[in-house]
């Protein structure tokens, strides 16, 4: 189907577009009006455009947004004045542009295999081609001498042209090539590159160029997690600006430490799930600014004694190693998170291990661990402490048969509530939990709210959701979908706070069915009167709910990154929320 825009003439003749907004006018007044103002901006986001679209009669357009439609082929080659194009979340296979004045192209979440330009977009500064089907980057990118940011993650790219970064006019500062099929990174020139942020995670890269850190001297963030690296290039001198290095899930051996010791500006270092057997004290001495160290999933038996000297360390994760002892960390003032789970510890001195400001300590999975009860009690008198037993050994058995239902009598719920913790983003934790295991005496209401950049909205929802849910259950017309309408009403409850802030939500409600099921009618009368419990789940945004049943993981709701609670200013139409599902 072709919507030749003429798709613009979908509007009636007595209508006009003024910078993207439809205005009606009376035909009798045409002669008295001033000449039409040239159309320069059009916003058709979230309509029902589909098929092939050719725009040729709007040569003065500078801004075009056709995101969130079902367009498959789009030809904009006649629009020489276009500066910004947004066409993400369509079904685009082919895209043709003029490029002459193009500054920004956002074309993520499509099926693009080809992008053509009539003239090299020498003014292009930002381009997003993520989540497409590209097998290679467009060759005309080499001529984009003002390009600052390039997102091409989640494609099928096998190789990168060495001219992309090595030409003398290269200006790329942020390059995102994660989740592709790269097996190597192109050779680097001797001159210094402007590259500051490089994301290469989840590829098949076996090594980086020898002079990588010399050429990328200005690099501050490098993510090479989930590749096939055995080591990193040698670093000469201490001029490297790298602050964040993510190299989890590779095959890095102790050789990599020869390179890492030359990174004095490191603030975040992730080396989890590699083949490390040692962590020398010399490395710790060189990382004076380090705030987060993750070396879980290696083969470490000991930790360096000078760990306590790290003046800025906030997070230390060393779980799933072979640690038999732990140095004293009581003197570290800044340490907040200490994860020593799943090692071979048999005895720890709580008094010397736990720093004064520690907020999270995980010692689970150390099967032979013995803790002095007096030390633990002394520690608990000095600060508020919640002790959680995750071994399961001290947990009462769950009932094997339904409990008889008694309408007016308080009783212990037949479910147990565990716990979940995360250090979250280093600067701030933006996740709030709703935990009401005895909601309305005999029900359970649980929720997770991720505010991404702030915790104001999550905390607001934690307080508002229980009341909203109770109200929605009383509305007869929508009672069957009360979970969905609870989230819709919560969106309205955000008011002004929901204009600029977004939140991901997972909400679970456990309650008895209104009437006994047919299957339960065959049970004894004392049991049949107890109606069956139903778990209802509703989600919005990137969060999901997983049910573990018979040693199997069942994904109840799949996250939808394009839909979140809030952000009303960006999406005037209320976001749609998945219909909640019933699980018996």
Protein backbone atom coordinates (compact mmCIF):
# COMPACT_ATOMS: atom_id res chain seq x y z
CA UNK A 1 0.00 0.00 0.00
CA UNK A 2 1.33 3.44 -0.92
CA UNK A 3 0.52 6.54 1.11
CA UNK A 4 2.03 9.07 -1.33
CA UNK A 5 1.96 12.10 0.95
CA UNK A 6 -0.56 13.23 -0.66
CA UNK A 7 -0.79 11.54 2.72
CA UNK A 8 -0.60 15.18 3.64
CA UNK A 9 -3.68 15.73 1.51
CA UNK A 10 -5.39 13.28 3.80
CA UNK A 11 -6.56 16.60 5.27
CA UNK A 12 -9.60 18.26 3.75
CA UNK A 13 -9.22 21.11 1.33
CA UNK A 14 -10.62 23.54 3.87
CA UNK A 15 -7.87 22.56 6.31
CA UNK A 16 -4.31 23.77 6.50
CA UNK A 17 -1.18 22.64 8.30
CA UNK A 18 0.63 25.29 10.27
CA UNK A 19 3.96 23.88 11.39
CA UNK A 20 2.52 20.47 12.00
CA UNK A 21 -0.80 21.47 13.54
CA UNK A 22 -4.12 21.05 11.75
CA UNK A 23 -6.26 24.19 11.49
CA UNK A 24 -9.76 24.48 9.98
CA UNK A 25 -10.83 27.52 8.02
CA UNK A 26 -13.96 28.57 6.27
CA UNK A 27 -13.78 28.63 2.48
CA UNK A 28 -15.57 31.98 2.36
CA UNK A 29 -12.75 33.62 4.30
CA UNK A 30 -9.91 32.46 2.05
CA UNK A 31 -9.77 35.67 0.07
CA UNK A 32 -9.35 37.77 3.22
CA UNK A 33 -6.49 35.72 4.67
CA UNK A 34 -2.81 36.36 4.32
CA UNK A 35 -0.73 33.97 2.22
CA UNK A 36 0.02 30.63 3.86
CA UNK A 37 3.09 30.46 6.06
CA UNK A 38 5.54 27.90 4.62
CA UNK A 39 5.27 24.49 6.28
CA UNK A 40 8.54 23.77 8.13
CA UNK A 41 7.65 21.34 10.94
CA UNK A 42 5.43 18.26 10.81
CA UNK A 43 4.67 15.84 13.67
CA UNK A 44 2.77 12.69 12.67
CA UNK A 45 3.98 10.51 15.54
CA UNK A 46 1.73 7.68 16.63
CA UNK A 47 -0.75 7.60 13.72
CA UNK A 48 -1.62 4.77 11.33
CA UNK A 49 0.71 5.55 8.43
CA UNK A 50 1.87 2.40 6.66
CA UNK A 51 3.31 1.03 3.46
CA UNK A 52 5.54 3.22 1.26
CA UNK A 53 5.72 6.96 1.70
CA UNK A 54 7.21 9.49 -0.71
CA UNK A 55 7.39 13.14 0.28
CA UNK A 56 8.12 15.49 -2.58
CA UNK A 57 5.89 18.55 -2.30
CA UNK A 58 7.11 19.95 1.00
CA UNK A 59 10.55 21.22 0.12
CA UNK A 60 10.71 23.73 2.99
CA UNK A 61 10.33 21.12 5.75
CA UNK A 62 13.12 21.29 8.33
CA UNK A 63 11.74 18.94 11.02
CA UNK A 64 9.80 15.72 10.47
CA UNK A 65 8.58 13.19 13.04
CA UNK A 66 6.80 10.05 11.79
CA UNK A 67 7.78 7.77 14.68
CA UNK A 68 5.53 5.00 16.00
CA UNK A 69 3.72 4.19 12.76
CA UNK A 70 3.94 1.17 10.41
CA UNK A 71 5.87 2.67 7.50
CA UNK A 72 7.94 0.15 5.50
CA UNK A 73 9.66 2.28 2.84
CA UNK A 74 10.24 6.03 2.99
CA UNK A 75 11.77 8.32 0.36
CA UNK A 76 12.66 11.82 1.58
CA UNK A 77 15.31 12.52 -1.05
CA UNK A 78 13.42 15.55 -2.40
CA UNK A 79 13.42 17.36 0.96
CA UNK A 80 16.71 19.27 0.81
CA UNK A 81 15.94 21.47 3.83
CA UNK A 82 15.35 18.65 6.33
CA UNK A 83 17.53 19.06 9.43
CA UNK A 84 16.03 16.57 11.88
CA UNK A 85 14.25 13.31 11.08
CA UNK A 86 12.62 11.03 13.63
CA UNK A 87 11.25 7.80 12.21
CA UNK A 88 11.91 5.30 15.02
CA UNK A 89 9.56 2.43 15.90
CA UNK A 90 8.18 1.81 12.42
CA UNK A 91 8.66 -1.19 10.12
CA UNK A 92 11.14 0.54 7.83
CA UNK A 93 13.23 -1.64 5.52
CA UNK A 94 14.58 1.14 3.28
CA UNK A 95 15.16 4.81 3.94
CA UNK A 96 16.28 7.36 1.34
CA UNK A 97 17.33 10.88 2.35
CA UNK A 98 18.63 14.05 0.79
CA UNK A 99 21.26 14.62 3.47
CA UNK A 100 22.18 18.10 2.33
CA UNK A 101 21.18 19.88 5.58
CA UNK A 102 20.67 16.88 7.86
CA UNK A 103 21.77 17.42 11.49
CA UNK A 104 20.03 14.58 13.34
CA UNK A 105 18.63 11.20 12.27
CA UNK A 106 16.80 8.98 14.75
CA UNK A 107 15.75 5.75 13.03
CA UNK A 108 16.02 3.12 15.76
CA UNK A 109 13.70 0.14 16.25
CA UNK A 110 12.98 -0.63 12.60
CA UNK A 111 13.94 -3.36 10.11
CA UNK A 112 16.42 -1.27 8.16
CA UNK A 113 18.86 -3.06 5.88
CA UNK A 114 19.74 -0.05 3.75
CA UNK A 115 20.00 3.73 4.19
CA UNK A 116 20.71 5.81 1.09
CA UNK A 117 21.55 9.50 0.80
CA UNK A 118 21.52 11.69 -2.29
CA UNK A 119 24.26 13.94 -0.87
CA UNK A 120 26.71 13.18 1.95
CA UNK A 121 25.27 14.72 5.16
CA UNK A 122 28.34 16.75 6.09
CA UNK A 123 26.38 18.56 8.84
CA UNK A 124 25.21 15.37 10.56
CA UNK A 125 25.95 15.44 14.30
CA UNK A 126 23.78 12.68 15.78
CA UNK A 127 22.56 9.39 14.31
CA UNK A 128 20.66 6.53 15.94
CA UNK A 129 20.37 3.29 13.91
CA UNK A 130 19.99 0.94 16.88
CA UNK A 131 17.72 -2.12 16.84
CA UNK A 132 17.69 -2.66 13.07
CA UNK A 133 18.92 -5.35 10.66
CA UNK A 134 22.04 -3.65 9.31
CA UNK A 135 24.95 -5.92 8.38
CA UNK A 136 27.31 -2.99 7.86
CA UNK A 137 27.37 0.71 8.54
CA UNK A 138 26.63 3.05 5.61
CA UNK A 139 29.85 3.85 3.72
CA UNK A 140 28.90 7.53 3.46
CA UNK A 141 29.46 7.91 7.23
CA UNK A 142 33.16 8.43 6.49
CA UNK A 143 32.31 11.81 4.99
CA UNK A 144 30.29 13.01 8.01
CA UNK A 145 32.96 15.25 9.50
CA UNK A 146 30.76 16.69 12.24
CA UNK A 147 29.34 13.42 13.56
CA UNK A 148 29.56 13.34 17.37
CA UNK A 149 27.35 10.42 18.42
CA UNK A 150 26.58 7.19 16.57
CA UNK A 151 24.27 4.51 17.95
CA UNK A 152 24.29 1.29 15.91
CA UNK A 153 23.80 -1.26 18.68
CA UNK A 154 21.56 -4.31 18.32
CA UNK A 155 22.12 -4.91 14.61
CA UNK A 156 23.94 -7.67 12.68
CA UNK A 157 27.14 -5.76 11.91
CA UNK A 158 30.18 -7.98 11.23
CA UNK A 159 32.92 -5.44 10.49
CA UNK A 160 33.66 -1.75 10.86
CA UNK A 161 35.43 0.24 8.18
CA UNK A 162 38.86 1.34 9.38
CA UNK A 163 38.16 4.75 7.83
CA UNK A 164 35.29 5.43 10.22
CA UNK A 165 37.66 6.41 13.03
CA UNK A 166 41.00 6.65 11.28
CA UNK A 167 40.33 9.44 8.79
CA UNK A 168 41.85 12.78 9.74
CA UNK A 169 38.43 14.43 10.03
CA UNK A 170 36.94 11.86 12.45
CA UNK A 171 34.95 13.61 15.19
CA UNK A 172 32.98 10.77 16.82
CA UNK A 173 32.91 11.10 20.61
CA UNK A 174 30.30 8.44 21.49
CA UNK A 175 30.18 5.14 19.57
CA UNK A 176 27.67 2.45 20.52
CA UNK A 177 28.19 -0.89 18.71
CA UNK A 178 26.99 -3.31 21.38
CA UNK A 179 24.99 -6.45 20.56
CA UNK A 180 26.35 -7.02 17.07
CA UNK A 181 28.55 -9.73 15.53
CA UNK A 182 31.90 -7.95 15.48
CA UNK A 183 34.93 -10.23 15.63
CA UNK A 184 37.55 -7.48 15.66
CA UNK A 185 38.05 -3.76 16.00
CA UNK A 186 39.75 -1.87 13.15
CA UNK A 187 43.45 -0.89 13.45
CA UNK A 188 44.08 2.45 15.09
CA UNK A 189 46.14 5.32 13.71
CA UNK A 190 48.93 6.91 15.72
CA UNK A 191 47.15 10.23 16.18
CA UNK A 192 44.84 10.89 19.15
CA UNK A 193 41.15 10.25 18.52
CA UNK A 194 38.32 12.34 20.02
CA UNK A 195 36.51 9.15 21.14
CA UNK A 196 35.26 9.44 24.74
CA UNK A 197 32.65 6.68 25.14
CA UNK A 198 32.87 3.29 23.43
CA UNK A 199 30.35 0.46 23.90
CA UNK A 200 31.32 -2.91 22.40
CA UNK A 201 29.62 -5.35 24.79
CA UNK A 202 28.02 -8.56 23.55
CA UNK A 203 30.09 -9.10 20.40
CA UNK A 204 32.68 -11.73 19.41
CA UNK A 205 35.83 -9.60 19.69
CA UNK A 206 38.99 -11.56 20.50
CA UNK A 207 41.45 -8.69 20.87
CA UNK A 208 41.80 -4.93 20.58
CA UNK A 209 44.50 -3.13 18.51
CA UNK A 210 47.91 -2.89 20.20
CA UNK A 211 47.88 0.91 20.29
CA UNK A 212 44.21 1.12 21.31
CA UNK A 213 44.76 3.04 24.55
CA UNK A 214 47.35 5.30 22.93
CA UNK A 215 44.96 6.38 20.17
CA UNK A 216 41.99 6.53 22.55
CA UNK A 217 43.72 8.58 25.20
CA UNK A 218 40.57 10.64 25.85
CA UNK A 219 38.36 7.59 26.40
CA UNK A 220 36.47 7.77 29.71
CA UNK A 221 34.02 4.84 29.33
CA UNK A 222 34.82 1.47 27.74
CA UNK A 223 32.43 -1.48 27.81
CA UNK A 224 33.80 -4.74 26.34
CA UNK A 225 31.75 -7.16 28.45
CA UNK A 226 30.64 -10.49 26.95
CA UNK A 227 33.29 -10.82 24.27
CA UNK A 228 36.19 -13.28 23.84
CA UNK A 229 39.04 -11.14 25.15
CA UNK A 230 41.96 -12.86 26.87
CA UNK A 231 43.82 -9.65 27.72
CA UNK A 232 43.82 -5.91 27.04
CA UNK A 233 46.43 -3.86 25.16
CA UNK A 234 49.42 -2.61 27.11
CA UNK A 235 49.15 0.98 28.33
CA UNK A 236 52.25 3.14 28.25
CA UNK A 237 52.48 5.95 30.78
CA UNK A 238 49.60 7.25 32.88
CA UNK A 239 47.97 9.66 30.45
CA UNK A 240 44.92 7.43 29.81
CA UNK A 241 41.69 9.11 30.97
CA UNK A 242 39.64 5.91 31.39
CA UNK A 243 37.25 6.17 34.35
CA UNK A 244 34.84 3.28 33.78
CA UNK A 245 35.88 -0.12 32.45
CA UNK A 246 33.35 -2.93 32.05
CA UNK A 247 34.99 -6.21 31.01
CA UNK A 248 32.69 -8.82 32.58
CA UNK A 249 32.26 -12.27 31.02
CA UNK A 250 35.41 -12.61 28.93
CA UNK A 251 38.41 -14.94 29.24
CA UNK A 252 40.75 -12.44 30.87
CA UNK A 253 43.70 -13.94 32.74
CA UNK A 254 46.10 -12.40 35.24
CA UNK A 255 48.01 -10.87 32.31
CA UNK A 256 45.37 -8.18 32.04
CA UNK A 257 46.52 -6.72 35.36
CA UNK A 258 49.69 -5.45 33.65
CA UNK A 259 47.46 -3.10 31.67
CA UNK A 260 45.01 -2.21 34.41
CA UNK A 261 47.75 -1.07 36.75
CA UNK A 262 48.31 1.88 34.40
CA UNK A 263 44.78 3.24 34.81
CA UNK A 264 45.04 5.59 37.80
CA UNK A 265 41.79 7.45 37.05
CA UNK A 266 39.54 4.38 37.27
CA UNK A 267 36.36 4.92 39.28
CA UNK A 268 34.39 1.82 38.19
CA UNK A 269 36.00 -1.54 37.33
CA UNK A 270 33.99 -4.65 36.46
CA UNK A 271 36.02 -7.83 35.87
CA UNK A 272 33.45 -10.42 36.90
CA UNK A 273 33.32 -13.91 35.39
CA UNK A 274 36.82 -14.13 33.97
CA UNK A 275 39.84 -16.30 34.84
CA UNK A 276 41.61 -14.15 37.43
CA UNK A 277 43.44 -15.98 40.21
CA UNK A 278 45.07 -13.05 42.00
CA UNK A 279 44.60 -9.37 42.77
CA UNK A 280 47.98 -7.80 43.64
CA UNK A 281 48.38 -5.06 46.22
CA UNK A 282 50.17 -2.95 43.60
CA UNK A 283 46.93 -2.67 41.63
CA UNK A 284 44.99 -1.55 44.68
CA UNK A 285 47.65 1.08 45.40
CA UNK A 286 47.30 2.51 41.88
CA UNK A 287 43.51 2.76 41.94
CA UNK A 288 43.18 5.58 44.44
CA UNK A 289 39.95 6.94 42.92
CA UNK A 290 38.18 3.57 42.57
CA UNK A 291 34.58 3.63 43.84
CA UNK A 292 33.19 0.33 42.54
CA UNK A 293 35.12 -2.94 42.17
CA UNK A 294 33.36 -6.07 40.88
CA UNK A 295 35.55 -9.18 40.59
CA UNK A 296 32.89 -11.85 41.15
CA UNK A 297 32.91 -15.19 39.37
CA UNK A 298 36.69 -15.63 39.16
CA UNK A 299 39.13 -18.00 40.91
CA UNK A 300 40.41 -15.72 43.66
CA UNK A 301 41.53 -17.35 46.91
CA UNK A 302 42.69 -14.22 48.71
CA UNK A 303 42.13 -10.49 48.61
CA UNK A 304 44.92 -7.93 49.05
CA UNK A 305 45.40 -6.70 52.61
CA UNK A 306 45.50 -3.05 51.53
CA UNK A 307 41.87 -3.04 50.36
CA UNK A 308 41.01 -1.06 53.48
CA UNK A 309 43.28 1.75 52.24
CA UNK A 310 40.98 2.57 49.31
CA UNK A 311 39.64 5.93 50.40
CA UNK A 312 36.76 6.12 47.90
CA UNK A 313 35.59 2.50 47.59
CA UNK A 314 31.79 2.25 47.93
CA UNK A 315 30.94 -1.10 46.33
CA UNK A 316 32.98 -4.33 46.56
CA UNK A 317 31.52 -7.46 44.99
CA UNK A 318 33.61 -10.64 45.22
CA UNK A 319 30.94 -13.33 45.27
CA UNK A 320 31.36 -16.73 43.56
CA UNK A 321 35.11 -17.06 44.05
CA UNK A 322 37.21 -19.40 46.21
CA UNK A 323 37.98 -17.00 49.06
CA UNK A 324 39.11 -18.67 52.26
CA UNK A 325 39.75 -15.47 54.20
CA UNK A 326 38.90 -11.78 54.04
CA UNK A 327 41.10 -8.86 55.11
CA UNK A 328 39.91 -6.42 57.74
CA UNK A 329 37.73 -3.74 56.17
CA UNK A 330 36.54 -2.08 59.37
CA UNK A 331 38.63 1.04 58.70
CA UNK A 332 37.05 1.85 55.34
CA UNK A 333 34.80 4.86 55.81
CA UNK A 334 33.11 4.92 52.41
CA UNK A 335 32.24 1.22 51.85
CA UNK A 336 28.46 0.72 51.52
CA UNK A 337 28.08 -2.64 49.75
CA UNK A 338 30.13 -5.77 50.50
CA UNK A 339 29.20 -8.99 48.68
CA UNK A 340 31.15 -12.09 49.77
CA UNK A 341 28.51 -14.69 48.93
CA UNK A 342 29.30 -18.15 47.56
CA UNK A 343 32.91 -18.50 48.59
CA UNK A 344 34.71 -20.91 50.92
CA UNK A 345 34.76 -18.78 54.05
CA UNK A 346 34.53 -20.76 57.27
CA UNK A 347 35.03 -18.01 59.82
CA UNK A 348 34.83 -14.23 59.80
CA UNK A 349 35.39 -11.61 62.45
CA UNK A 350 32.32 -9.40 62.13
CA UNK A 351 33.80 -6.70 64.34
CA UNK A 352 36.82 -6.17 62.09
CA UNK A 353 35.08 -6.99 58.80
CA UNK A 354 32.11 -4.63 58.88
CA UNK A 355 32.85 -0.93 58.34
CA UNK A 356 30.90 1.70 60.21
CA UNK A 357 28.87 2.93 57.21
CA UNK A 358 28.21 -0.45 55.56
CA UNK A 359 24.59 -0.83 54.42
CA UNK A 360 24.62 -4.21 52.67
CA UNK A 361 26.56 -7.36 53.60
CA UNK A 362 26.00 -10.69 51.86
CA UNK A 363 27.67 -13.79 53.32
CA UNK A 364 25.20 -16.34 51.97
CA UNK A 365 26.37 -19.48 50.21
CA UNK A 366 29.44 -19.99 52.43
CA UNK A 367 28.41 -23.43 53.63
CA UNK A 368 30.97 -23.81 56.41
CA UNK A 369 30.71 -20.27 57.70
CA UNK A 370 30.59 -19.74 61.44
CA UNK A 371 29.76 -16.36 62.94
CA UNK A 372 30.40 -15.51 66.58
CA UNK A 373 27.00 -14.71 68.06
CA UNK A 374 28.49 -12.27 70.56
CA UNK A 375 30.24 -10.32 67.78
CA UNK A 376 26.99 -10.17 65.85
CA UNK A 377 25.05 -8.98 68.87
CA UNK A 378 27.66 -6.31 69.60
CA UNK A 379 27.41 -5.12 66.02
CA UNK A 380 23.62 -4.93 66.22
CA UNK A 381 23.75 -2.76 69.33
CA UNK A 382 25.85 -0.18 67.47
CA UNK A 383 23.50 0.25 64.49
CA UNK A 384 20.08 -0.79 63.20
CA UNK A 385 20.46 -4.10 61.37
CA UNK A 386 18.10 -6.43 59.55
CA UNK A 387 19.37 -10.01 59.57
CA UNK A 388 18.02 -12.15 56.73
CA UNK A 389 18.47 -15.92 56.63
CA UNK A 390 18.56 -17.00 52.98
CA UNK A 391 19.65 -20.58 53.65
CA UNK A 392 16.11 -21.88 54.03
CA UNK A 393 17.13 -24.11 56.93
CA UNK A 394 15.26 -22.08 59.51
CA UNK A 395 12.19 -21.49 57.40
CA UNK A 396 8.90 -23.19 58.37
CA UNK A 397 7.53 -25.58 55.81
CA UNK A 398 4.95 -24.23 53.39
CA UNK A 399 1.49 -25.83 53.61
CA UNK A 400 0.89 -28.74 51.27
CA UNK A 401 -2.90 -28.31 51.16
CA UNK A 402 -5.20 -25.28 50.91
CA UNK A 403 -6.05 -23.68 54.22
CA UNK A 404 -9.74 -23.54 55.18
CA UNK A 405 -11.21 -20.13 54.49
CA UNK A 406 -12.63 -18.29 57.49
CA UNK A 407 -14.31 -15.03 56.57
CA UNK A 408 -13.93 -13.08 59.81
CA UNK A 409 -10.86 -14.61 61.40
CA UNK A 410 -7.27 -13.39 61.15
CA UNK A 411 -4.78 -15.98 60.02
CA UNK A 412 -1.23 -16.29 58.76
CA UNK A 413 -0.98 -15.96 54.93
CA UNK A 414 0.13 -19.16 53.21
CA UNK A 415 2.96 -17.38 51.35
CA UNK A 416 6.36 -16.31 52.54
CA UNK A 417 8.03 -13.09 51.46
CA UNK A 418 11.75 -13.04 50.73
CA UNK A 419 13.91 -10.04 49.95
CA UNK A 420 15.67 -8.42 47.03
CA UNK A 421 18.50 -5.92 47.20
CA UNK A 422 20.65 -4.05 44.74
CA UNK A 423 23.28 -1.38 44.99
CA UNK A 424 21.59 0.26 42.04
CA UNK A 425 23.18 3.23 40.36
CA UNK A 426 26.13 4.41 42.37
CA UNK A 427 24.93 7.98 42.98
CA UNK A 428 21.35 7.16 43.90
CA UNK A 429 18.98 4.22 44.31
CA UNK A 430 15.78 4.99 42.40
CA UNK A 431 13.80 1.80 43.10
CA UNK A 432 10.97 1.63 45.63
CA UNK A 433 9.22 -1.53 46.84
CA UNK A 434 5.60 -2.05 47.82
CA UNK A 435 5.43 -4.97 50.30
CA UNK A 436 2.03 -5.71 51.85
CA UNK A 437 1.95 -9.48 52.56
CA UNK A 438 -1.26 -9.06 54.63
CA UNK A 439 -3.09 -6.58 52.41
CA UNK A 440 -6.75 -6.45 53.49
CA UNK A 441 -5.83 -9.12 56.08
CA UNK A 442 -5.99 -12.06 53.65
CA UNK A 443 -4.38 -10.79 50.42
CA UNK A 444 -0.92 -9.87 49.19
CA UNK A 445 0.06 -6.73 47.27
CA UNK A 446 3.59 -6.29 45.96
CA UNK A 447 5.18 -3.85 43.56
CA UNK A 448 8.49 -2.62 42.20
CA UNK A 449 8.79 0.95 40.91
CA UNK A 450 11.92 2.02 39.04
CA UNK A 451 12.23 5.79 38.65
CA UNK A 452 15.42 5.57 36.54
CA UNK A 453 16.68 9.05 37.42
CA UNK A 454 14.92 9.87 40.68
CA UNK A 455 13.00 8.23 43.53
CA UNK A 456 10.29 10.88 44.00
CA UNK A 457 7.73 9.27 41.68
CA UNK A 458 8.39 5.68 42.92
CA UNK A 459 7.86 6.76 46.53
CA UNK A 460 4.67 8.57 45.53
CA UNK A 461 3.30 5.45 43.83
CA UNK A 462 4.12 3.21 46.81
CA UNK A 463 1.77 5.33 48.91
CA UNK A 464 -0.93 5.81 46.27
CA UNK A 465 -1.28 2.35 44.66
CA UNK A 466 -3.00 0.47 47.56
CA UNK A 467 -5.79 3.06 47.81
CA UNK A 468 -6.22 3.24 44.03
CA UNK A 469 -6.46 -0.55 43.73
CA UNK A 470 -9.17 -0.73 46.39
CA UNK A 471 -11.17 1.95 44.55
CA UNK A 472 -10.82 0.29 41.14
CA UNK A 473 -12.07 -3.06 42.47
CA UNK A 474 -15.39 -1.41 43.35
CA UNK A 475 -16.06 -0.09 39.82
CA UNK A 476 -18.46 -2.66 38.34
CA UNK A 477 -17.86 -1.77 34.69
CA UNK A 478 -14.11 -2.42 34.86
CA UNK A 479 -13.78 -4.70 37.89
CA UNK A 480 -12.45 -7.59 35.80
CA UNK A 481 -9.52 -5.43 34.65
CA UNK A 482 -8.94 -3.58 37.89
CA UNK A 483 -5.15 -4.09 37.72
CA UNK A 484 -4.94 -2.32 34.38
CA UNK A 485 -7.11 0.53 35.56
CA UNK A 486 -5.10 0.81 38.75
CA UNK A 487 -2.03 1.69 36.71
CA UNK A 488 -3.99 4.01 34.43
CA UNK A 489 -5.34 5.84 37.48
CA UNK A 490 -1.83 5.94 38.94
CA UNK A 491 -0.68 7.68 35.76
CA UNK A 492 -3.32 10.33 36.38
CA UNK A 493 -2.32 10.56 40.04
CA UNK A 494 1.20 11.67 39.08
CA UNK A 495 -0.20 14.99 37.83
CA UNK A 496 2.58 17.53 37.31
CA UNK A 497 5.26 15.09 38.51
CA UNK A 498 4.39 12.84 35.58
CA UNK A 499 5.08 15.46 32.94
CA UNK A 500 8.86 15.05 32.84
CA UNK A 501 9.56 11.89 34.90
CA UNK A 502 8.96 8.25 33.94
CA UNK A 503 8.70 5.09 35.99
CA UNK A 504 8.71 1.34 35.21
CA UNK A 505 6.19 -0.64 37.23
CA UNK A 506 5.53 -4.28 38.09
CA UNK A 507 2.49 -4.85 40.29
CA UNK A 508 1.38 -8.23 41.74
CA UNK A 509 -1.83 -8.88 43.63
CA UNK A 510 -2.74 -12.18 45.32
CA UNK A 511 -6.39 -12.62 46.27
CA UNK A 512 -8.97 -15.36 46.53
CA UNK A 513 -11.39 -16.03 43.69
CA UNK A 514 -14.89 -14.74 44.22
CA UNK A 515 -16.50 -18.14 43.78
CA UNK A 516 -15.16 -21.66 44.37
CA UNK A 517 -13.91 -23.25 41.16
CA UNK A 518 -15.50 -26.39 39.72
CA UNK A 519 -12.35 -28.38 40.46
CA UNK A 520 -12.52 -27.48 44.15
CA UNK A 521 -16.10 -28.70 44.49
CA UNK A 522 -14.79 -32.28 44.62
CA UNK A 523 -12.62 -31.51 47.67
CA UNK A 524 -13.84 -31.96 51.26
CA UNK A 525 -16.30 -29.30 52.41
CA UNK A 526 -13.81 -27.67 54.80
CA UNK A 527 -11.40 -27.12 51.94
CA UNK A 528 -13.93 -26.31 49.22
CA UNK A 529 -15.16 -23.35 51.24
CA UNK A 530 -11.67 -21.95 50.90
CA UNK A 531 -11.63 -20.26 47.53
CA UNK A 532 -8.58 -20.60 45.32
CA UNK A 533 -5.88 -17.91 45.29
CA UNK A 534 -5.28 -16.01 42.04
CA UNK A 535 -2.07 -14.15 41.21
CA UNK A 536 -2.64 -11.13 38.96
CA UNK A 537 0.24 -9.22 37.38
CA UNK A 538 0.34 -5.89 35.56
CA UNK A 539 3.46 -4.21 34.18
CA UNK A 540 4.37 -1.09 32.27
CA UNK A 541 7.80 -0.09 30.99
CA UNK A 542 10.93 -2.21 30.98
CA UNK A 543 10.16 -4.18 34.14
CA UNK A 544 8.94 -7.77 33.96
CA UNK A 545 7.55 -10.44 36.27
CA UNK A 546 8.94 -13.98 36.41
CA UNK A 547 7.23 -16.96 38.02
CA UNK A 548 9.42 -19.89 39.09
CA UNK A 549 7.31 -23.03 38.98
CA UNK A 550 8.50 -26.64 39.08
CA UNK A 551 12.12 -25.47 38.55
CA UNK A 552 11.02 -23.57 35.45
CA UNK A 553 11.04 -19.83 34.84
CA UNK A 554 7.84 -18.49 33.30
CA UNK A 555 7.89 -14.90 32.05
CA UNK A 556 4.50 -13.50 33.01
CA UNK A 557 4.85 -10.11 31.34
CA UNK A 558 7.40 -8.96 28.81
CA UNK A 559 8.78 -5.45 29.28
CA UNK A 560 7.98 -2.71 26.78
CA UNK A 561 10.67 0.03 26.80
CA UNK A 562 8.56 2.38 24.70
CA UNK A 563 5.74 2.54 27.27
CA UNK A 564 6.23 3.90 30.76
CA UNK A 565 4.16 5.56 33.42
CA UNK A 566 4.61 9.32 33.19
CA UNK A 567 6.52 11.38 30.61
CA UNK A 568 3.22 12.99 29.65
CA UNK A 569 4.99 15.96 28.10
CA UNK A 570 6.65 13.72 25.49
CA UNK A 571 3.65 11.49 24.83
CA UNK A 572 0.39 13.44 25.06
CA UNK A 573 -1.63 10.27 24.58
CA UNK A 574 -1.93 8.14 27.68
CA UNK A 575 0.34 5.13 27.45
CA UNK A 576 -1.32 1.77 26.92
CA UNK A 577 -0.81 -0.89 29.56
CA UNK A 578 -0.83 -4.59 28.93
CA UNK A 579 -3.93 -6.36 30.04
CA UNK A 580 -3.24 -8.14 33.28
CA UNK A 581 -3.16 -11.90 33.14
CA UNK A 582 -4.66 -14.38 35.52
CA UNK A 583 -2.52 -17.24 36.79
CA UNK A 584 -4.17 -20.07 38.64
